[in-house]
Amino acid sequence: MKCISVYTKDFSLFSDIYEQIMEAPPAENEEIVLEGVTVSGAGDVPDQYIERMRQKPECVVMKEKERGVTILQHGEVFEICLPAVQLV
């Protein structure tokens, strides 16, 4: 799975820029700034990463069913996890 890190704890701001991120995600190790928020291509994470994060009480797990995207929120970061088929 490809992971994109979004460095904000503001859910409303994250929601505002989410579609922009999905339309033009940063490449691996690339950082972009959208509306003052740093967005980083964090590379690949193993599938079991989501399961490990799901066990942590401080982590919120959200799912976008249409695209198969999983969003993790913990601390001051959102992580958008994209399935491999999303990378076409």
Protein backbone atom coordinates (compact mmCIF):
# COMPACT_ATOMS: atom_id res chain seq x y z
CA MET A 1 0.00 0.00 0.00
CA LYS A 2 1.14 3.51 -0.78
CA CYS A 3 1.00 5.92 2.16
CA ILE A 4 0.59 9.70 2.07
CA SER A 5 1.14 11.67 5.28
CA VAL A 6 -0.83 14.87 5.89
CA TYR A 7 0.55 16.92 8.78
CA THR A 8 -2.44 18.51 10.47
CA LYS A 9 -4.69 17.62 13.39
CA ASP A 10 -7.54 19.72 11.95
CA PHE A 11 -10.11 17.31 10.46
CA SER A 12 -11.99 20.12 8.73
CA LEU A 13 -8.85 21.34 6.97
CA PHE A 14 -7.91 17.78 6.05
CA SER A 15 -11.39 17.30 4.54
CA ASP A 16 -11.00 20.51 2.54
CA ILE A 17 -7.76 19.38 0.85
CA TYR A 18 -8.44 15.62 0.65
CA GLU A 19 -9.71 15.63 -2.96
CA GLN A 20 -6.76 17.78 -4.08
CA ILE A 21 -4.40 15.23 -2.56
CA MET A 22 -6.22 12.34 -4.24
CA GLU A 23 -6.17 14.06 -7.64
CA ALA A 24 -2.44 14.77 -7.54
CA PRO A 25 -0.75 12.75 -4.78
CA PRO A 26 2.89 13.52 -4.03
CA ALA A 27 5.51 11.07 -5.27
CA GLU A 28 7.49 8.99 -2.79
CA ASN A 29 9.72 11.26 -0.64
CA GLU A 30 8.14 14.37 -2.20
CA GLU A 31 6.63 17.09 -0.03
CA ILE A 32 4.01 19.57 -1.19
CA VAL A 33 2.14 22.27 0.71
CA LEU A 34 -1.62 22.70 0.28
CA GLU A 35 -3.36 25.52 2.16
CA GLY A 36 -0.44 25.69 4.59
CA VAL A 37 -0.45 21.93 5.28
CA THR A 38 2.55 19.74 4.46
CA VAL A 39 1.64 16.62 2.48
CA SER A 40 4.32 13.98 2.02
CA GLY A 41 4.62 10.83 -0.08
CA ALA A 42 5.66 8.42 2.66
CA GLY A 43 6.24 5.42 0.39
CA ASP A 44 4.94 1.92 0.81
CA VAL A 45 3.68 0.36 4.03
CA PRO A 46 2.91 -3.34 4.58
CA ASP A 47 -0.74 -4.39 4.66
CA GLN A 48 -0.46 -5.38 8.34
CA TYR A 49 0.45 -1.76 9.21
CA ILE A 50 -3.24 -0.80 9.22
CA GLU A 51 -4.08 -3.71 11.52
CA ARG A 52 -1.29 -2.71 13.93
CA MET A 53 -2.50 0.91 13.96
CA ARG A 54 -6.13 -0.20 14.42
CA GLN A 55 -5.11 -1.76 17.78
CA LYS A 56 -3.88 1.58 19.16
CA PRO A 57 -6.51 3.46 21.18
CA GLU A 58 -5.21 6.87 20.02
CA CYS A 59 -5.66 6.00 16.33
CA VAL A 60 -8.87 6.65 14.40
CA VAL A 61 -9.41 4.48 11.31
CA MET A 62 -11.67 5.68 8.49
CA LYS A 63 -12.49 3.89 5.25
CA GLU A 64 -13.47 5.31 1.86
CA LYS A 65 -15.20 2.31 0.32
CA GLU A 66 -15.49 3.58 -3.28
CA ARG A 67 -11.72 3.78 -3.76
CA GLY A 68 -10.67 1.27 -1.10
CA VAL A 69 -8.73 3.98 0.72
CA THR A 70 -7.99 3.74 4.45
CA ILE A 71 -7.33 6.92 6.42
CA LEU A 72 -5.58 6.79 9.78
CA GLN A 73 -5.60 9.75 12.17
CA HIS A 74 -3.23 9.81 15.12
CA GLY A 75 -1.49 12.64 16.88
CA GLU A 76 -1.11 15.54 14.47
CA VAL A 77 -1.05 13.48 11.29
CA PHE A 78 -3.45 11.83 8.89
CA GLU A 79 -2.17 8.91 6.82
CA ILE A 80 -3.92 8.08 3.56
CA CYS A 81 -3.26 4.44 2.63
CA LEU A 82 -3.97 3.63 -1.01
CA PRO A 83 -4.31 0.07 -2.32
CA ALA A 84 -1.76 -0.98 -4.97
CA VAL A 85 -4.42 -1.01 -7.72
CA GLN A 86 -4.95 2.72 -7.05
CA LEU A 87 -1.48 3.47 -8.47
CA VAL A 88 -2.37 2.94 -12.13
